[in-house]
Amino acid sequence: MVYKYRTKGTCSRSIEFELNDGILGDVRFEGGCNGNLKGIASLVKGMKAEEVIERCSGISCGFKSTSCPDQLARALKEALGE
């Protein structure tokens, strides 16, 4: 299933991702730091959503209290109904 999440507090505007049986497929960020976000998307592809949540939750970006990886974790939690 494909999900779209509107990010809050980051340079990226949204995250679109595929989640099937708890496993991440393609992840695409709209806006943000293009190279870094392509790298994150590539690294998390094929991972269990719970592992991505565990690794990415709480990461901040500079002076911001959140980051694109943290927003991905929040999006996954929402998609999993947590």
C-alpha atoms as a PDB file:
ATOM      1  CA  MET A   1       0.000   0.000   0.000  1.00  0.00           C
ATOM      2  CA  VAL A   2       1.211   3.546  -0.775  1.00  0.00           C
ATOM      3  CA  TYR A   3       1.049   6.206   1.937  1.00  0.00           C
ATOM      4  CA  LYS A   4       1.612   9.963   1.781  1.00  0.00           C
ATOM      5  CA  TYR A   5       2.565  11.935   4.879  1.00  0.00           C
ATOM      6  CA  ARG A   6       2.797  15.736   5.128  1.00  0.00           C
ATOM      7  CA  THR A   7       5.890  16.544   7.137  1.00  0.00           C
ATOM      8  CA  LYS A   8       6.009  19.171   9.873  1.00  0.00           C
ATOM      9  CA  GLY A   9       9.035  21.238  10.884  1.00  0.00           C
ATOM     10  CA  THR A  10      11.412  20.092   8.125  1.00  0.00           C
ATOM     11  CA  CYS A  11      12.630  21.320   4.755  1.00  0.00           C
ATOM     12  CA  SER A  12      10.899  18.408   3.036  1.00  0.00           C
ATOM     13  CA  ARG A  13       7.183  18.911   2.441  1.00  0.00           C
ATOM     14  CA  SER A  14       5.984  15.316   2.288  1.00  0.00           C
ATOM     15  CA  ILE A  15       7.014  11.669   2.231  1.00  0.00           C
ATOM     16  CA  GLU A  16       5.444   9.047   0.013  1.00  0.00           C
ATOM     17  CA  PHE A  17       6.264   5.421   0.756  1.00  0.00           C
ATOM     18  CA  GLU A  18       5.199   1.868   0.045  1.00  0.00           C
ATOM     19  CA  LEU A  19       4.525  -0.414   3.006  1.00  0.00           C
ATOM     20  CA  ASN A  20       3.649  -4.061   2.460  1.00  0.00           C
ATOM     21  CA  ASP A  21       3.404  -6.541   5.333  1.00  0.00           C
ATOM     22  CA  GLY A  22       5.453  -4.183   7.518  1.00  0.00           C
ATOM     23  CA  ILE A  23       8.316  -3.923   4.997  1.00  0.00           C
ATOM     24  CA  LEU A  24       9.256  -0.622   3.365  1.00  0.00           C
ATOM     25  CA  GLY A  25       9.395  -0.395  -0.404  1.00  0.00           C
ATOM     26  CA  ASP A  26      10.136   2.794  -2.316  1.00  0.00           C
ATOM     27  CA  VAL A  27      10.413   5.991  -0.265  1.00  0.00           C
ATOM     28  CA  ARG A  28      10.257   9.430  -1.884  1.00  0.00           C
ATOM     29  CA  PHE A  29      10.692  12.764  -0.135  1.00  0.00           C
ATOM     30  CA  GLU A  30       9.334  15.970  -1.687  1.00  0.00           C
ATOM     31  CA  GLY A  31      11.713  18.862  -1.077  1.00  0.00           C
ATOM     32  CA  GLY A  32      14.547  18.800   1.418  1.00  0.00           C
ATOM     33  CA  CYS A  33      18.202  17.843   0.909  1.00  0.00           C
ATOM     34  CA  ASN A  34      18.012  15.813  -2.284  1.00  0.00           C
ATOM     35  CA  GLY A  35      21.168  13.709  -1.943  1.00  0.00           C
ATOM     36  CA  ASN A  36      20.754  12.944   1.746  1.00  0.00           C
ATOM     37  CA  LEU A  37      17.108  11.996   1.339  1.00  0.00           C
ATOM     38  CA  LYS A  38      17.841   9.746  -1.637  1.00  0.00           C
ATOM     39  CA  GLY A  39      20.461   8.065   0.556  1.00  0.00           C
ATOM     40  CA  ILE A  40      18.018   7.561   3.425  1.00  0.00           C
ATOM     41  CA  ALA A  41      15.394   6.192   1.024  1.00  0.00           C
ATOM     42  CA  SER A  42      17.901   3.725  -0.404  1.00  0.00           C
ATOM     43  CA  LEU A  43      19.105   2.599   3.028  1.00  0.00           C
ATOM     44  CA  VAL A  44      15.636   1.916   4.456  1.00  0.00           C
ATOM     45  CA  LYS A  45      14.223   0.117   1.395  1.00  0.00           C
ATOM     46  CA  GLY A  46      13.520  -3.494   2.328  1.00  0.00           C
ATOM     47  CA  MET A  47      13.736  -2.849   6.087  1.00  0.00           C
ATOM     48  CA  LYS A  48      11.035  -3.652   8.609  1.00  0.00           C
ATOM     49  CA  ALA A  49       9.083  -0.524   9.503  1.00  0.00           C
ATOM     50  CA  GLU A  50       9.631  -1.152  13.236  1.00  0.00           C
ATOM     51  CA  GLU A  51      13.410  -1.129  12.749  1.00  0.00           C
ATOM     52  CA  VAL A  52      13.282   2.153  10.824  1.00  0.00           C
ATOM     53  CA  ILE A  53      11.113   3.646  13.580  1.00  0.00           C
ATOM     54  CA  GLU A  54      13.577   2.502  16.236  1.00  0.00           C
ATOM     55  CA  ARG A  55      16.608   3.868  14.393  1.00  0.00           C
ATOM     56  CA  CYS A  56      15.150   7.175  13.174  1.00  0.00           C
ATOM     57  CA  SER A  57      12.854   8.349  15.989  1.00  0.00           C
ATOM     58  CA  GLY A  58      14.065  11.395  17.840  1.00  0.00           C
ATOM     59  CA  ILE A  59      16.754  12.486  15.374  1.00  0.00           C
ATOM     60  CA  SER A  60      16.957  16.277  15.214  1.00  0.00           C
ATOM     61  CA  CYS A  61      18.288  18.522  12.443  1.00  0.00           C
ATOM     62  CA  GLY A  62      20.354  21.478  13.592  1.00  0.00           C
ATOM     63  CA  PHE A  63      18.242  23.627  15.901  1.00  0.00           C
ATOM     64  CA  LYS A  64      15.002  21.873  14.868  1.00  0.00           C
ATOM     65  CA  SER A  65      13.386  19.351  17.225  1.00  0.00           C
ATOM     66  CA  THR A  66      12.710  16.967  14.302  1.00  0.00           C
ATOM     67  CA  SER A  67      14.327  15.873  11.047  1.00  0.00           C
ATOM     68  CA  CYS A  68      13.388  14.105   7.833  1.00  0.00           C
ATOM     69  CA  PRO A  69      14.344  10.687   9.310  1.00  0.00           C
ATOM     70  CA  ASP A  70      12.284  11.478  12.438  1.00  0.00           C
ATOM     71  CA  GLN A  71       9.357  12.488  10.220  1.00  0.00           C
ATOM     72  CA  LEU A  72       9.686   9.189   8.345  1.00  0.00           C
ATOM     73  CA  ALA A  73       9.499   7.354  11.683  1.00  0.00           C
ATOM     74  CA  ARG A  74       6.369   9.330  12.594  1.00  0.00           C
ATOM     75  CA  ALA A  75       4.820   8.564   9.192  1.00  0.00           C
ATOM     76  CA  LEU A  76       5.499   4.859   9.660  1.00  0.00           C
ATOM     77  CA  LYS A  77       3.998   4.877  13.144  1.00  0.00           C
ATOM     78  CA  GLU A  78       0.873   6.496  11.714  1.00  0.00           C
ATOM     79  CA  ALA A  79       0.700   3.972   8.861  1.00  0.00           C
ATOM     80  CA  LEU A  80       1.033   1.100  11.322  1.00  0.00           C
ATOM     81  CA  GLY A  81      -1.688   2.608  13.494  1.00  0.00           C
ATOM     82  CA  GLU A  82       0.559   3.164  16.525  1.00  0.00           C
END
